[in-house]
Amino acid sequence: IETGGARGRKPYSAIIRAVNTEDYMTARPLRVPWTMLRRVSSRILNGNLSLSTVYYDLTPKPPATIEFE
């Protein structure tokens, strides 16, 4: 996601969305330990110089909305 990149800031963010689905139409968020989320977000940020932020999406999704909006 492009975040605009104010003066001196990196212009992009990343979103982690771990879900469980049985039918690919609905999804429930997975319970991921915070230690793992911190480790993954650090690796993402350290590996990409254009990213400033990593978000974790915890929302469930009803039918027909699996993709991020």
N, C-alpha and C. Protein backbone atom coordinates (compact mmCIF):
# COMPACT_ATOMS: atom_id res chain seq x y z
N ILE A 1 0.85 -1.17 0.00
CA ILE A 1 0.00 0.00 0.00
C ILE A 1 0.89 1.23 0.00
N GLU A 2 0.61 2.17 -0.88
CA GLU A 2 1.38 3.41 -0.90
C GLU A 2 0.83 4.33 0.18
N THR A 3 1.73 4.84 1.02
CA THR A 3 1.31 5.67 2.14
C THR A 3 1.62 7.14 1.96
N GLY A 4 2.11 7.53 0.81
CA GLY A 4 2.31 8.95 0.54
C GLY A 4 3.74 9.43 0.70
N GLY A 5 4.48 8.89 1.64
CA GLY A 5 5.88 9.25 1.79
C GLY A 5 6.12 10.73 2.07
N ALA A 6 5.77 11.18 3.26
CA ALA A 6 6.06 12.56 3.64
C ALA A 6 7.57 12.77 3.65
N ARG A 7 8.00 14.00 3.76
CA ARG A 7 9.43 14.33 3.71
C ARG A 7 10.28 13.36 4.51
N GLY A 8 11.20 12.69 3.85
CA GLY A 8 12.12 11.79 4.52
C GLY A 8 11.56 10.45 4.92
N ARG A 9 10.30 10.21 4.66
CA ARG A 9 9.69 8.93 5.03
C ARG A 9 9.64 7.98 3.86
N LYS A 10 9.64 6.71 4.18
CA LYS A 10 9.52 5.68 3.16
C LYS A 10 8.05 5.61 2.72
N PRO A 11 7.78 5.41 1.44
CA PRO A 11 6.43 5.60 0.92
C PRO A 11 5.46 4.42 1.01
N TYR A 12 5.89 3.22 1.45
CA TYR A 12 4.99 2.07 1.38
C TYR A 12 4.84 1.37 2.72
N SER A 13 3.72 0.63 2.85
CA SER A 13 3.44 -0.21 4.01
C SER A 13 3.11 -1.61 3.51
N ALA A 14 3.27 -2.60 4.39
CA ALA A 14 2.90 -3.99 4.07
C ALA A 14 1.83 -4.43 5.05
N ILE A 15 1.02 -5.40 4.63
CA ILE A 15 -0.04 -5.93 5.49
C ILE A 15 0.10 -7.44 5.56
N ILE A 16 0.11 -7.96 6.79
CA ILE A 16 0.13 -9.41 7.01
C ILE A 16 -1.30 -9.82 7.33
N ARG A 17 -1.78 -10.82 6.63
CA ARG A 17 -3.13 -11.31 6.88
C ARG A 17 -3.11 -12.83 6.83
N ALA A 18 -3.02 -13.46 7.99
CA ALA A 18 -3.00 -14.91 8.09
C ALA A 18 -4.42 -15.38 8.40
N VAL A 19 -4.97 -16.19 7.51
CA VAL A 19 -6.35 -16.65 7.68
C VAL A 19 -6.46 -18.15 7.50
N ASN A 20 -7.56 -18.68 8.01
CA ASN A 20 -7.90 -20.08 7.82
C ASN A 20 -9.21 -20.12 7.03
N THR A 21 -9.22 -20.91 5.96
CA THR A 21 -10.44 -21.03 5.16
C THR A 21 -10.61 -22.47 4.70
N GLU A 22 -11.83 -22.88 4.60
CA GLU A 22 -12.13 -24.23 4.10
C GLU A 22 -12.74 -24.19 2.71
N ASP A 23 -13.32 -23.05 2.35
CA ASP A 23 -14.03 -22.98 1.07
C ASP A 23 -13.54 -21.84 0.16
N TYR A 24 -12.53 -21.11 0.60
CA TYR A 24 -11.98 -19.97 -0.16
C TYR A 24 -13.00 -18.87 -0.39
N MET A 25 -14.09 -18.91 0.34
CA MET A 25 -15.09 -17.84 0.23
C MET A 25 -15.18 -17.05 1.53
N THR A 26 -14.98 -17.73 2.65
CA THR A 26 -14.96 -17.07 3.95
C THR A 26 -13.63 -17.36 4.61
N ALA A 27 -13.25 -16.53 5.58
CA ALA A 27 -11.97 -16.73 6.25
C ALA A 27 -12.04 -16.25 7.69
N ARG A 28 -11.31 -16.97 8.55
CA ARG A 28 -11.16 -16.57 9.94
C ARG A 28 -9.69 -16.25 10.19
N PRO A 29 -9.39 -15.20 10.94
CA PRO A 29 -7.99 -14.87 11.21
C PRO A 29 -7.34 -15.95 12.08
N LEU A 30 -6.08 -16.24 11.80
CA LEU A 30 -5.32 -17.18 12.61
C LEU A 30 -4.75 -16.47 13.83
N ARG A 31 -4.60 -17.21 14.91
CA ARG A 31 -3.96 -16.66 16.10
C ARG A 31 -2.46 -16.87 15.95
N VAL A 32 -1.77 -15.80 15.63
CA VAL A 32 -0.32 -15.85 15.44
C VAL A 32 0.33 -15.21 16.67
N PRO A 33 1.30 -15.88 17.30
CA PRO A 33 1.95 -15.29 18.47
C PRO A 33 2.61 -13.96 18.15
N TRP A 34 2.53 -13.01 19.10
CA TRP A 34 3.12 -11.69 18.88
C TRP A 34 4.62 -11.77 18.61
N THR A 35 5.29 -12.73 19.23
CA THR A 35 6.74 -12.86 18.99
C THR A 35 7.00 -13.18 17.52
N MET A 36 6.17 -14.02 16.93
CA MET A 36 6.33 -14.35 15.52
C MET A 36 6.01 -13.14 14.64
N LEU A 37 4.95 -12.41 14.98
CA LEU A 37 4.60 -11.21 14.20
C LEU A 37 5.73 -10.18 14.24
N ARG A 38 6.33 -9.99 15.41
CA ARG A 38 7.46 -9.05 15.51
C ARG A 38 8.63 -9.52 14.66
N ARG A 39 8.92 -10.81 14.70
CA ARG A 39 10.03 -11.35 13.91
C ARG A 39 9.77 -11.20 12.42
N VAL A 40 8.57 -11.54 11.97
CA VAL A 40 8.22 -11.43 10.55
C VAL A 40 8.24 -9.98 10.10
N SER A 41 7.67 -9.09 10.89
CA SER A 41 7.65 -7.68 10.49
C SER A 41 9.06 -7.10 10.43
N SER A 42 9.92 -7.49 11.35
CA SER A 42 11.32 -7.02 11.30
C SER A 42 12.01 -7.50 10.03
N ARG A 43 11.80 -8.76 9.68
CA ARG A 43 12.41 -9.28 8.45
C ARG A 43 11.88 -8.58 7.21
N ILE A 44 10.59 -8.29 7.19
CA ILE A 44 10.00 -7.59 6.05
C ILE A 44 10.59 -6.18 5.94
N LEU A 45 10.63 -5.46 7.06
CA LEU A 45 11.14 -4.08 7.04
C LEU A 45 12.62 -4.03 6.71
N ASN A 46 13.40 -4.96 7.25
CA ASN A 46 14.84 -4.97 6.98
C ASN A 46 15.16 -5.39 5.55
N GLY A 47 14.25 -6.12 4.92
CA GLY A 47 14.49 -6.61 3.57
C GLY A 47 13.99 -5.71 2.46
N ASN A 48 13.28 -4.65 2.82
CA ASN A 48 12.73 -3.77 1.80
C ASN A 48 12.88 -2.31 2.24
N LEU A 49 13.73 -1.58 1.56
CA LEU A 49 14.04 -0.21 1.95
C LEU A 49 12.90 0.78 1.67
N SER A 50 11.88 0.37 0.91
CA SER A 50 10.76 1.27 0.60
C SER A 50 9.64 1.19 1.63
N LEU A 51 9.71 0.24 2.56
CA LEU A 51 8.63 0.05 3.53
C LEU A 51 8.90 0.80 4.83
N SER A 52 7.85 1.42 5.37
CA SER A 52 7.98 2.12 6.65
C SER A 52 7.18 1.45 7.76
N THR A 53 6.15 0.67 7.39
CA THR A 53 5.23 0.12 8.38
C THR A 53 4.75 -1.25 7.94
N VAL A 54 4.50 -2.13 8.94
CA VAL A 54 3.87 -3.43 8.68
C VAL A 54 2.62 -3.50 9.56
N TYR A 55 1.49 -3.78 8.96
CA TYR A 55 0.22 -3.92 9.67
C TYR A 55 -0.17 -5.39 9.72
N TYR A 56 -0.96 -5.76 10.74
CA TYR A 56 -1.49 -7.11 10.87
C TYR A 56 -3.00 -7.01 10.86
N ASP A 57 -3.63 -7.63 9.87
CA ASP A 57 -5.08 -7.58 9.69
C ASP A 57 -5.72 -8.76 10.42
N LEU A 58 -6.54 -8.48 11.42
CA LEU A 58 -7.20 -9.51 12.23
C LEU A 58 -8.67 -9.71 11.87
N THR A 59 -9.14 -9.08 10.83
CA THR A 59 -10.57 -9.11 10.54
C THR A 59 -11.00 -10.40 9.85
N PRO A 60 -12.16 -10.96 10.23
CA PRO A 60 -12.72 -12.08 9.49
C PRO A 60 -13.32 -11.55 8.20
N LYS A 61 -13.53 -12.42 7.26
CA LYS A 61 -14.09 -11.98 5.98
C LYS A 61 -15.32 -12.80 5.63
N PRO A 62 -16.42 -12.12 5.31
CA PRO A 62 -17.62 -12.81 4.85
C PRO A 62 -17.45 -13.25 3.40
N PRO A 63 -18.41 -14.00 2.87
CA PRO A 63 -18.30 -14.47 1.48
C PRO A 63 -18.03 -13.34 0.49
N ALA A 64 -17.23 -13.66 -0.51
CA ALA A 64 -16.90 -12.77 -1.64
C ALA A 64 -15.99 -11.61 -1.27
N THR A 65 -15.36 -11.64 -0.09
CA THR A 65 -14.45 -10.54 0.27
C THR A 65 -13.12 -11.05 0.81
N ILE A 66 -12.64 -12.17 0.32
CA ILE A 66 -11.38 -12.75 0.80
C ILE A 66 -10.21 -11.83 0.52
N GLU A 67 -10.17 -11.21 -0.64
CA GLU A 67 -9.03 -10.35 -0.97
C GLU A 67 -9.06 -9.08 -0.13
N PHE A 68 -7.88 -8.49 0.08
CA PHE A 68 -7.77 -7.28 0.89
C PHE A 68 -8.40 -6.11 0.15
N GLU A 69 -9.10 -5.27 0.88
CA GLU A 69 -9.74 -4.09 0.28
C GLU A 69 -9.21 -2.84 0.90
